[in-house]
C-alpha atoms as a PDB file:
ATOM      1  CA  MET A   1      45.665-104.445  45.585  1.00  0.00           C
ATOM      2  CA  GLU A   2      46.012-101.703  48.031  1.00  0.00           C
ATOM      3  CA  SER A   3      42.940 -99.424  47.958  1.00  0.00           C
ATOM      4  CA  LEU A   4      43.243 -95.673  47.892  1.00  0.00           C
ATOM      5  CA  PRO A   5      42.380 -93.885  51.018  1.00  0.00           C
ATOM      6  CA  ALA A   6      38.896 -92.296  51.073  1.00  0.00           C
ATOM      7  CA  PRO A   7      38.944 -88.579  50.233  1.00  0.00           C
ATOM      8  CA  GLY A   8      38.846 -86.260  53.136  1.00  0.00           C
ATOM      9  CA  PRO A   9      36.337 -83.418  53.571  1.00  0.00           C
ATOM     10  CA  ARG A  10      38.569 -80.830  51.903  1.00  0.00           C
ATOM     11  CA  GLN A  11      39.097 -83.003  48.825  1.00  0.00           C
ATOM     12  CA  ARG A  12      35.343 -83.624  48.507  1.00  0.00           C
ATOM     13  CA  ALA A  13      34.613 -79.885  48.679  1.00  0.00           C
ATOM     14  CA  PHE A  14      37.236 -79.110  46.005  1.00  0.00           C
ATOM     15  CA  SER A  15      35.789 -81.744  43.681  1.00  0.00           C
ATOM     16  CA  LEU A  16      32.307 -80.351  44.080  1.00  0.00           C
ATOM     17  CA  SER A  17      33.558 -76.822  43.285  1.00  0.00           C
ATOM     18  CA  LEU A  18      35.153 -78.097  40.071  1.00  0.00           C
ATOM     19  CA  LEU A  19      31.868 -79.697  39.059  1.00  0.00           C
ATOM     20  CA  ALA A  20      29.908 -76.501  39.846  1.00  0.00           C
ATOM     21  CA  TRP A  21      32.206 -74.200  37.828  1.00  0.00           C
ATOM     22  CA  PRO A  22      30.889 -75.107  34.328  1.00  0.00           C
ATOM     23  CA  CYS A  23      27.329 -74.610  35.555  1.00  0.00           C
ATOM     24  CA  ALA A  24      28.158 -71.172  36.886  1.00  0.00           C
ATOM     25  CA  VAL A  25      29.827 -70.197  33.635  1.00  0.00           C
ATOM     26  CA  ALA A  26      26.816 -71.403  31.671  1.00  0.00           C
ATOM     27  CA  ALA A  27      24.504 -69.386  33.906  1.00  0.00           C
ATOM     28  CA  LEU A  28      26.557 -66.257  33.356  1.00  0.00           C
ATOM     29  CA  VAL A  29      26.449 -66.733  29.577  1.00  0.00           C
ATOM     30  CA  LEU A  30      22.683 -67.168  29.645  1.00  0.00           C
ATOM     31  CA  LEU A  31      22.319 -64.087  31.825  1.00  0.00           C
ATOM     32  CA  ALA A  32      24.474 -61.993  29.474  1.00  0.00           C
ATOM     33  CA  SER A  33      22.599 -63.140  26.406  1.00  0.00           C
ATOM     34  CA  GLY A  34      19.352 -62.325  28.133  1.00  0.00           C
ATOM     35  CA  CYS A  35      20.548 -58.733  28.664  1.00  0.00           C
ATOM     36  CA  THR A  36      21.215 -58.224  24.942  1.00  0.00           C
ATOM     37  CA  SER A  37      18.120 -59.895  23.553  1.00  0.00           C
ATOM     38  CA  PRO A  38      15.189 -57.630  22.528  1.00  0.00           C
ATOM     39  CA  ASN A  39      12.546 -57.014  25.117  1.00  0.00           C
ATOM     40  CA  LEU A  40       9.159 -56.759  23.453  1.00  0.00           C
ATOM     41  CA  ASN A  41       7.623 -55.391  26.627  1.00  0.00           C
ATOM     42  CA  SER A  42      10.119 -52.518  27.101  1.00  0.00           C
ATOM     43  CA  ALA A  43       8.812 -48.932  27.482  1.00  0.00           C
ATOM     44  CA  PRO A  44       8.777 -46.813  24.291  1.00  0.00           C
ATOM     45  CA  VAL A  45      11.655 -44.337  23.677  1.00  0.00           C
ATOM     46  CA  GLU A  46      10.712 -40.771  24.561  1.00  0.00           C
ATOM     47  CA  ASP A  47      10.476 -38.482  21.509  1.00  0.00           C
ATOM     48  CA  ARG A  48      12.162 -35.277  22.642  1.00  0.00           C
ATOM     49  CA  ASN A  49      11.337 -33.621  19.287  1.00  0.00           C
ATOM     50  CA  ALA A  50       7.593 -33.951  19.812  1.00  0.00           C
ATOM     51  CA  GLY A  51       5.876 -30.740  18.727  1.00  0.00           C
ATOM     52  CA  VAL A  52       8.851 -29.511  16.629  1.00  0.00           C
ATOM     53  CA  ARG A  53       7.939 -29.010  12.946  1.00  0.00           C
ATOM     54  CA  SER A  54      10.217 -30.689  10.455  1.00  0.00           C
ATOM     55  CA  PRO A  55      11.634 -28.700   7.493  1.00  0.00           C
ATOM     56  CA  ALA A  56       9.693 -30.979   5.151  1.00  0.00           C
ATOM     57  CA  LEU A  57       6.408 -30.020   6.804  1.00  0.00           C
ATOM     58  CA  ASP A  58       7.325 -26.333   6.720  1.00  0.00           C
ATOM     59  CA  ALA A  59       8.223 -26.592   3.026  1.00  0.00           C
ATOM     60  CA  ALA A  60       4.831 -28.119   2.320  1.00  0.00           C
ATOM     61  CA  LYS A  61       3.022 -25.198   3.974  1.00  0.00           C
ATOM     62  CA  PRO A  62       1.539 -22.960   1.240  1.00  0.00           C
ATOM     63  CA  LEU A  63       2.924 -19.421   1.151  1.00  0.00           C
ATOM     64  CA  PRO A  64       0.619 -16.410   1.475  1.00  0.00           C
ATOM     65  CA  GLY A  65      -1.367 -15.725  -1.696  1.00  0.00           C
ATOM     66  CA  ALA A  66      -0.209 -18.932  -3.415  1.00  0.00           C
ATOM     67  CA  GLU A  67      -3.727 -19.484  -4.746  1.00  0.00           C
ATOM     68  CA  ASN A  68      -3.311 -16.319  -6.879  1.00  0.00           C
ATOM     69  CA  ALA A  69      -0.026 -17.305  -8.557  1.00  0.00           C
ATOM     70  CA  GLY A  70      -0.082 -16.487 -12.265  1.00  0.00           C
ATOM     71  CA  LYS A  71      -3.257 -14.390 -12.110  1.00  0.00           C
ATOM     72  CA  PRO A  72      -3.292 -10.904 -13.645  1.00  0.00           C
ATOM     73  CA  GLY A  73      -2.576  -8.233 -11.056  1.00  0.00           C
ATOM     74  CA  TYR A  74      -0.454 -10.485  -8.848  1.00  0.00           C
ATOM     75  CA  TYR A  75       3.317 -10.798  -8.471  1.00  0.00           C
ATOM     76  CA  THR A  76       5.287 -13.827  -7.268  1.00  0.00           C
ATOM     77  CA  VAL A  77       8.283 -12.842  -5.111  1.00  0.00           C
ATOM     78  CA  ARG A  78      11.642 -13.858  -6.621  1.00  0.00           C
ATOM     79  CA  PRO A  79      15.094 -14.259  -5.034  1.00  0.00           C
ATOM     80  CA  GLY A  80      16.643 -10.862  -4.298  1.00  0.00           C
ATOM     81  CA  ASP A  81      13.341  -8.975  -4.378  1.00  0.00           C
ATOM     82  CA  THR A  82      12.624  -6.140  -1.973  1.00  0.00           C
ATOM     83  CA  MET A  83       9.418  -4.127  -1.727  1.00  0.00           C
ATOM     84  CA  ILE A  84      11.221  -1.240  -3.452  1.00  0.00           C
ATOM     85  CA  ARG A  85      12.138  -3.427  -6.442  1.00  0.00           C
ATOM     86  CA  ILE A  86       8.656  -4.934  -6.612  1.00  0.00           C
ATOM     87  CA  GLY A  87       7.179  -1.437  -6.718  1.00  0.00           C
ATOM     88  CA  LEU A  88       9.496  -0.457  -9.584  1.00  0.00           C
ATOM     89  CA  GLU A  89       8.857  -3.680 -11.503  1.00  0.00           C
ATOM     90  CA  THR A  90       5.085  -3.338 -11.204  1.00  0.00           C
ATOM     91  CA  GLY A  91       4.763   0.436 -11.553  1.00  0.00           C
ATOM     92  CA  GLN A  92       3.406   0.889  -8.028  1.00  0.00           C
ATOM     93  CA  ASN A  93       4.342   2.611  -4.801  1.00  0.00           C
ATOM     94  CA  TRP A  94       5.815  -0.008  -2.442  1.00  0.00           C
ATOM     95  CA  ARG A  95       3.682   1.438   0.366  1.00  0.00           C
ATOM     96  CA  ASP A  96       0.513   0.788  -1.623  1.00  0.00           C
ATOM     97  CA  VAL A  97       1.590  -2.799  -2.319  1.00  0.00           C
ATOM     98  CA  ALA A  98       2.243  -3.339   1.393  1.00  0.00           C
ATOM     99  CA  ARG A  99      -1.170  -1.909   2.255  1.00  0.00           C
ATOM    100  CA  TRP A 100      -3.037  -3.921  -0.392  1.00  0.00           C
ATOM    101  CA  ASN A 101      -1.520  -7.105   1.033  1.00  0.00           C
ATOM    102  CA  SER A 102      -1.938  -6.155   4.713  1.00  0.00           C
ATOM    103  CA  LEU A 103       1.791  -6.671   5.328  1.00  0.00           C
ATOM    104  CA  GLU A 104       2.548  -5.996   8.986  1.00  0.00           C
ATOM    105  CA  ASN A 105       6.287  -5.908   8.248  1.00  0.00           C
ATOM    106  CA  PRO A 106       7.354  -5.175   4.637  1.00  0.00           C
ATOM    107  CA  ASN A 107      10.827  -6.491   5.481  1.00  0.00           C
ATOM    108  CA  VAL A 108       9.379  -9.996   5.760  1.00  0.00           C
ATOM    109  CA  ILE A 109       8.524 -11.365   2.326  1.00  0.00           C
ATOM    110  CA  GLU A 110       9.338 -14.868   1.120  1.00  0.00           C
ATOM    111  CA  VAL A 111      10.400 -16.238  -2.239  1.00  0.00           C
ATOM    112  CA  GLY A 112       7.274 -17.734  -3.783  1.00  0.00           C
ATOM    113  CA  GLN A 113       4.903 -15.480  -1.872  1.00  0.00           C
ATOM    114  CA  VAL A 114       2.249 -13.928  -4.136  1.00  0.00           C
ATOM    115  CA  LEU A 115       1.406 -10.237  -3.723  1.00  0.00           C
ATOM    116  CA  ARG A 116      -1.435  -8.166  -5.104  1.00  0.00           C
ATOM    117  CA  VAL A 117       0.086  -5.351  -7.188  1.00  0.00           C
ATOM    118  CA  VAL A 118      -3.078  -3.664  -8.483  1.00  0.00           C
ATOM    119  CA  PRO A 119      -5.591  -1.777  -6.354  1.00  0.00           C
ATOM    120  CA  PRO A 120      -8.251  -3.991  -4.754  1.00  0.00           C
ATOM    121  CA  THR A 121     -11.938  -3.395  -5.291  1.00  0.00           C
ATOM    122  CA  SER A 122     -13.428  -0.471  -3.417  1.00  0.00           C
ATOM    123  CA  GLU A 123     -15.046  -2.803  -0.863  1.00  0.00           C
ATOM    124  CA  SER A 124     -11.892  -4.720   0.027  1.00  0.00           C
ATOM    125  CA  LEU A 125      -9.798  -1.537  -0.026  1.00  0.00           C
ATOM    126  CA  ALA A 126     -12.155   0.063   2.478  1.00  0.00           C
ATOM    127  CA  ALA A 127     -11.667  -2.897   4.807  1.00  0.00           C
ATOM    128  CA  MET A 128      -7.889  -2.547   4.526  1.00  0.00           C
ATOM    129  CA  THR A 129      -7.912   1.159   5.358  1.00  0.00           C
ATOM    130  CA  ARG A 130     -10.096   0.984   8.466  1.00  0.00           C
ATOM    131  CA  PRO A 131      -8.380   2.448  11.557  1.00  0.00           C
ATOM    132  CA  ALA A 132      -6.053  -0.134  13.084  1.00  0.00           C
ATOM    133  CA  ALA A 133      -5.161  -0.746  16.692  1.00  0.00           C
ATOM    134  CA  PRO A 134      -2.435   1.510  18.114  1.00  0.00           C
ATOM    135  CA  GLY A 135       0.972   0.435  16.891  1.00  0.00           C
ATOM    136  CA  ALA A 136      -0.404  -1.553  13.960  1.00  0.00           C
ATOM    137  CA  GLY A 137       0.263  -0.883  10.310  1.00  0.00           C
ATOM    138  CA  ALA A 138       2.973  -1.457   7.729  1.00  0.00           C
ATOM    139  CA  ALA A 139       6.454  -1.080   9.141  1.00  0.00           C
ATOM    140  CA  MET A 140       9.185   0.760   7.318  1.00  0.00           C
ATOM    141  CA  PRO A 141      11.778  -1.415   5.573  1.00  0.00           C
ATOM    142  CA  LYS A 142      14.826  -1.619   7.872  1.00  0.00           C
ATOM    143  CA  PRO A 143      18.314  -0.625   6.781  1.00  0.00           C
ATOM    144  CA  SER A 144      20.247  -3.349   5.012  1.00  0.00           C
ATOM    145  CA  ALA A 145      22.571  -3.786   2.068  1.00  0.00           C
ATOM    146  CA  THR A 146      19.549  -3.775  -0.209  1.00  0.00           C
ATOM    147  CA  SER A 147      16.779  -1.959   1.624  1.00  0.00           C
ATOM    148  CA  PRO A 148      17.356   1.201   3.693  1.00  0.00           C
ATOM    149  CA  VAL A 149      14.708   2.966   5.737  1.00  0.00           C
ATOM    150  CA  PRO A 150      12.623   5.301   3.585  1.00  0.00           C
ATOM    151  CA  SER A 151      11.565   8.578   5.139  1.00  0.00           C
ATOM    152  CA  ALA A 152       8.810   8.316   7.721  1.00  0.00           C
ATOM    153  CA  ALA A 153       5.397   8.928   6.184  1.00  0.00           C
ATOM    154  CA  SER A 154       1.841   7.699   6.373  1.00  0.00           C
ATOM    155  CA  THR A 155       0.985   4.498   4.550  1.00  0.00           C
ATOM    156  CA  ALA A 156      -2.242   6.070   3.322  1.00  0.00           C
ATOM    157  CA  PRO A 157      -2.214   6.803  -0.420  1.00  0.00           C
ATOM    158  CA  VAL A 158      -1.369  10.325  -1.522  1.00  0.00           C
ATOM    159  CA  PRO A 159      -3.256  11.506  -4.631  1.00  0.00           C
ATOM    160  CA  LEU A 160      -1.200  12.024  -7.769  1.00  0.00           C
ATOM    161  CA  PRO A 161      -1.061  15.498  -9.273  1.00  0.00           C
ATOM    162  CA  ALA A 162      -4.083  16.252 -11.419  1.00  0.00           C
ATOM    163  CA  ALA A 163      -3.367  15.472 -15.058  1.00  0.00           C
ATOM    164  CA  SER A 164      -4.974  16.832 -18.168  1.00  0.00           C
ATOM    165  CA  GLY A 165      -5.802  14.437 -20.982  1.00  0.00           C
ATOM    166  CA  SER A 166      -4.896  10.745 -20.910  1.00  0.00           C
ATOM    167  CA  ASP A 167      -2.119   9.079 -18.942  1.00  0.00           C
ATOM    168  CA  GLU A 168      -0.053   9.050 -22.139  1.00  0.00           C
ATOM    169  CA  ASP A 169      -0.011  12.868 -22.317  1.00  0.00           C
ATOM    170  CA  VAL A 170       2.743  13.463 -19.793  1.00  0.00           C
ATOM    171  CA  GLY A 171       4.813  16.157 -21.563  1.00  0.00           C
ATOM    172  CA  TRP A 172       8.280  14.757 -20.890  1.00  0.00           C
ATOM    173  CA  ILE A 173      11.511  16.778 -20.769  1.00  0.00           C
ATOM    174  CA  TRP A 174      15.117  15.599 -20.522  1.00  0.00           C
ATOM    175  CA  PRO A 175      16.189  15.019 -16.891  1.00  0.00           C
ATOM    176  CA  ALA A 176      19.772  16.255 -17.407  1.00  0.00           C
ATOM    177  CA  GLN A 177      21.764  18.309 -19.909  1.00  0.00           C
ATOM    178  CA  GLY A 178      24.778  16.030 -20.358  1.00  0.00           C
ATOM    179  CA  THR A 179      25.836  13.842 -23.290  1.00  0.00           C
ATOM    180  CA  LEU A 180      23.979  10.610 -23.983  1.00  0.00           C
ATOM    181  CA  VAL A 181      26.554   7.831 -23.507  1.00  0.00           C
ATOM    182  CA  ALA A 182      24.364   4.700 -23.537  1.00  0.00           C
ATOM    183  CA  GLY A 183      21.020   4.027 -25.155  1.00  0.00           C
ATOM    184  CA  PHE A 184      18.140   1.729 -24.226  1.00  0.00           C
ATOM    185  CA  ASP A 185      18.646  -2.025 -24.500  1.00  0.00           C
ATOM    186  CA  GLU A 186      15.931  -4.090 -22.851  1.00  0.00           C
ATOM    187  CA  ALA A 187      18.384  -6.932 -22.121  1.00  0.00           C
ATOM    188  CA  LYS A 188      21.374  -4.871 -20.919  1.00  0.00           C
ATOM    189  CA  ASN A 189      20.320  -1.291 -20.197  1.00  0.00           C
ATOM    190  CA  LYS A 190      16.763  -0.498 -19.119  1.00  0.00           C
ATOM    191  CA  GLY A 191      17.097   3.217 -19.747  1.00  0.00           C
ATOM    192  CA  LEU A 192      19.421   5.971 -20.908  1.00  0.00           C
ATOM    193  CA  ASP A 193      22.804   6.909 -19.431  1.00  0.00           C
ATOM    194  CA  ILE A 194      23.593  10.630 -19.484  1.00  0.00           C
ATOM    195  CA  ALA A 195      27.142  11.786 -18.661  1.00  0.00           C
ATOM    196  CA  GLY A 196      27.991  14.955 -16.751  1.00  0.00           C
ATOM    197  CA  LYS A 197      29.951  16.426 -13.881  1.00  0.00           C
ATOM    198  CA  ALA A 198      29.441  15.642 -10.213  1.00  0.00           C
ATOM    199  CA  GLY A 199      26.842  18.043  -8.865  1.00  0.00           C
ATOM    200  CA  ASP A 200      25.079  18.715 -12.192  1.00  0.00           C
ATOM    201  CA  ALA A 201      21.338  19.223 -11.813  1.00  0.00           C
ATOM    202  CA  VAL A 202      18.952  16.287 -12.214  1.00  0.00           C
ATOM    203  CA  VAL A 203      15.364  17.460 -12.782  1.00  0.00           C
ATOM    204  CA  ALA A 204      11.949  15.820 -12.795  1.00  0.00           C
ATOM    205  CA  SER A 205      11.070  14.758 -16.313  1.00  0.00           C
ATOM    206  CA  ALA A 206       7.364  15.456 -15.675  1.00  0.00           C
ATOM    207  CA  ASP A 207       4.996  16.404 -12.863  1.00  0.00           C
ATOM    208  CA  GLY A 208       4.713  13.627 -10.293  1.00  0.00           C
ATOM    209  CA  ARG A 209       5.038  12.381  -6.751  1.00  0.00           C
ATOM    210  CA  VAL A 210       8.118  10.887  -5.084  1.00  0.00           C
ATOM    211  CA  VAL A 211       7.418   7.248  -4.245  1.00  0.00           C
ATOM    212  CA  TYR A 212      11.005   6.400  -3.335  1.00  0.00           C
ATOM    213  CA  SER A 213      14.111   8.322  -2.316  1.00  0.00           C
ATOM    214  CA  GLY A 214      17.037   6.310  -0.998  1.00  0.00           C
ATOM    215  CA  ALA A 215      19.736   3.749  -1.746  1.00  0.00           C
ATOM    216  CA  GLY A 216      17.854   0.508  -1.259  1.00  0.00           C
ATOM    217  CA  LEU A 217      18.016  -0.914  -4.773  1.00  0.00           C
ATOM    218  CA  ARG A 218      21.294  -2.642  -5.592  1.00  0.00           C
ATOM    219  CA  GLY A 219      22.873  -1.385  -8.799  1.00  0.00           C
ATOM    220  CA  TYR A 220      21.079   1.984  -8.736  1.00  0.00           C
ATOM    221  CA  GLY A 221      22.958   3.826  -6.003  1.00  0.00           C
ATOM    222  CA  ASN A 222      21.164   6.905  -4.667  1.00  0.00           C
ATOM    223  CA  LEU A 223      17.831   6.599  -6.415  1.00  0.00           C
ATOM    224  CA  ILE A 224      14.656   8.625  -6.862  1.00  0.00           C
ATOM    225  CA  ILE A 225      11.468   7.114  -8.281  1.00  0.00           C
ATOM    226  CA  LEU A 226       8.611   9.381  -9.389  1.00  0.00           C
ATOM    227  CA  LYS A 227       5.073   8.226 -10.115  1.00  0.00           C
ATOM    228  CA  HIS A 228       3.439  10.442 -12.727  1.00  0.00           C
ATOM    229  CA  ASN A 229       0.049   8.760 -13.122  1.00  0.00           C
ATOM    230  CA  ASN A 230      -1.412   5.271 -13.096  1.00  0.00           C
ATOM    231  CA  THR A 231       0.677   4.351 -16.158  1.00  0.00           C
ATOM    232  CA  PHE A 232       4.159   5.882 -15.828  1.00  0.00           C
ATOM    233  CA  LEU A 233       7.054   5.872 -13.371  1.00  0.00           C
ATOM    234  CA  THR A 234      10.504   7.389 -13.868  1.00  0.00           C
ATOM    235  CA  ALA A 235      13.736   6.394 -12.112  1.00  0.00           C
ATOM    236  CA  TYR A 236      16.829   8.597 -11.590  1.00  0.00           C
ATOM    237  CA  ALA A 237      19.892   6.617 -10.441  1.00  0.00           C
ATOM    238  CA  HIS A 238      23.534   7.060  -9.312  1.00  0.00           C
ATOM    239  CA  ASN A 239      22.966  10.498  -7.797  1.00  0.00           C
ATOM    240  CA  ARG A 240      25.390  12.201  -5.436  1.00  0.00           C
ATOM    241  CA  THR A 241      22.702  14.004  -3.450  1.00  0.00           C
ATOM    242  CA  LEU A 242      18.942  13.470  -3.173  1.00  0.00           C
ATOM    243  CA  LEU A 243      16.928  16.672  -2.723  1.00  0.00           C
ATOM    244  CA  VAL A 244      13.354  15.378  -2.346  1.00  0.00           C
ATOM    245  CA  LYS A 245      11.573  13.087   0.095  1.00  0.00           C
ATOM    246  CA  GLU A 246       8.957  10.404  -0.265  1.00  0.00           C
ATOM    247  CA  ASP A 247       5.360  11.559  -0.868  1.00  0.00           C
ATOM    248  CA  GLN A 248       6.610  14.977  -1.954  1.00  0.00           C
ATOM    249  CA  THR A 249       4.899  16.407  -5.042  1.00  0.00           C
ATOM    250  CA  VAL A 250       7.276  17.742  -7.696  1.00  0.00           C
ATOM    251  CA  LYS A 251       6.833  19.781 -10.862  1.00  0.00           C
ATOM    252  CA  LYS A 252       8.336  19.176 -14.266  1.00  0.00           C
ATOM    253  CA  GLY A 253      11.811  20.722 -14.434  1.00  0.00           C
ATOM    254  CA  GLN A 254      12.199  20.888 -10.627  1.00  0.00           C
ATOM    255  CA  LYS A 255      15.689  19.976  -9.397  1.00  0.00           C
ATOM    256  CA  ILE A 256      15.371  16.719  -7.477  1.00  0.00           C
ATOM    257  CA  ALA A 257      18.991  15.512  -7.217  1.00  0.00           C
ATOM    258  CA  GLU A 258      22.625  16.175  -8.061  1.00  0.00           C
ATOM    259  CA  MET A 259      24.437  13.911 -10.485  1.00  0.00           C
ATOM    260  CA  GLY A 260      27.021  11.522  -9.062  1.00  0.00           C
ATOM    261  CA  ASN A 261      28.557   8.074  -9.366  1.00  0.00           C
ATOM    262  CA  SER A 262      26.974   6.130  -6.488  1.00  0.00           C
ATOM    263  CA  ASP A 263      27.076   2.422  -7.408  1.00  0.00           C
ATOM    264  CA  ALA A 264      28.528   3.341 -10.832  1.00  0.00           C
ATOM    265  CA  GLU A 265      31.991   3.391 -12.379  1.00  0.00           C
ATOM    266  CA  LYS A 266      31.737   7.049 -13.430  1.00  0.00           C
ATOM    267  CA  VAL A 267      29.588  10.127 -12.971  1.00  0.00           C
ATOM    268  CA  LYS A 268      26.324   9.729 -14.878  1.00  0.00           C
ATOM    269  CA  LEU A 269      22.568   9.745 -14.582  1.00  0.00           C
ATOM    270  CA  HIS A 270      20.795   6.492 -15.374  1.00  0.00           C
ATOM    271  CA  PHE A 271      17.237   7.427 -16.377  1.00  0.00           C
ATOM    272  CA  GLU A 272      14.346   5.023 -16.873  1.00  0.00           C
ATOM    273  CA  ILE A 273      10.734   5.397 -17.956  1.00  0.00           C
ATOM    274  CA  ARG A 274       8.509   2.520 -16.848  1.00  0.00           C
ATOM    275  CA  ARG A 275       5.134   2.016 -18.466  1.00  0.00           C
ATOM    276  CA  GLN A 276       2.996  -0.097 -16.098  1.00  0.00           C
ATOM    277  CA  GLY A 277       6.244  -1.356 -14.601  1.00  0.00           C
ATOM    278  CA  ARG A 278       7.840  -2.377 -17.888  1.00  0.00           C
ATOM    279  CA  PRO A 279      10.968  -0.491 -19.026  1.00  0.00           C
ATOM    280  CA  VAL A 280      10.430   1.413 -22.289  1.00  0.00           C
ATOM    281  CA  ASP A 281      12.861   3.378 -24.443  1.00  0.00           C
ATOM    282  CA  PRO A 282      12.898   6.941 -23.040  1.00  0.00           C
ATOM    283  CA  ALA A 283      14.155   8.248 -26.394  1.00  0.00           C
ATOM    284  CA  LYS A 284      10.714   7.476 -27.835  1.00  0.00           C
ATOM    285  CA  TYR A 285       9.062   9.763 -25.285  1.00  0.00           C
ATOM    286  CA  LEU A 286      11.579  12.575 -24.765  1.00  0.00           C
ATOM    287  CA  PRO A 287      11.713  15.541 -27.176  1.00  0.00           C
ATOM    288  CA  VAL A 288      14.378  15.504 -29.874  1.00  0.00           C
ATOM    289  CA  ARG A 289      17.430  17.600 -28.997  1.00  0.00           C
END
């Protein structure tokens, strides 16, 4: 039988390359799998959020005064509250509340924060009223939809007019001469509504001091709040024009505003008497007419 001729050099090289091909493929597969397998000795991933507080941690941080929640003489801030509303609801001047709580900026209060709303003891009050560094002190609430800037005045307390007898002996008079169109209803109407013409006189129902004059309380329009003693406040809402400024002392019967329809559907005066911050029926205090 005729034997095949011996392979030449080129044929031997080609055969060897065919044999080496599977090995090369296998090596590539092993290399690729090695790239995707976990490396237990790899460097840790850099945490670019290091030092940034998470919302969960911030939520867990107790709010100022939280240890006093529920105690007599303290108020827990609710959604929609402003310092003006807190003052009305507690029967206090918002400036006093800011001072008692050492608030650097009364615009910055948080839901759930607990504020002192009764005067501190004489010792702690003295510490609060020590002269502060230049530029320090309670800031004025800034203008907003719910809290305009009150008139500039000192945050130091202004004494109330001297009263004879007890705090209950105020000697009330009617704040306007119009027709009574809505009576007191603790759930729906926290005072009396008195109709009239735009520009009719609104007068102080008793001697007192102006603790608020502005339009910073939603639903009340142009509003005046008078503090008569440590027990009673009165509120005069929906005015066209305000004629007195904060910290001004007024006398019973003094014209303090002109009737209007600010934040109301018609011209009227909404009048409230607050006893220690709680709305009471003014008809039980005003003289019969």
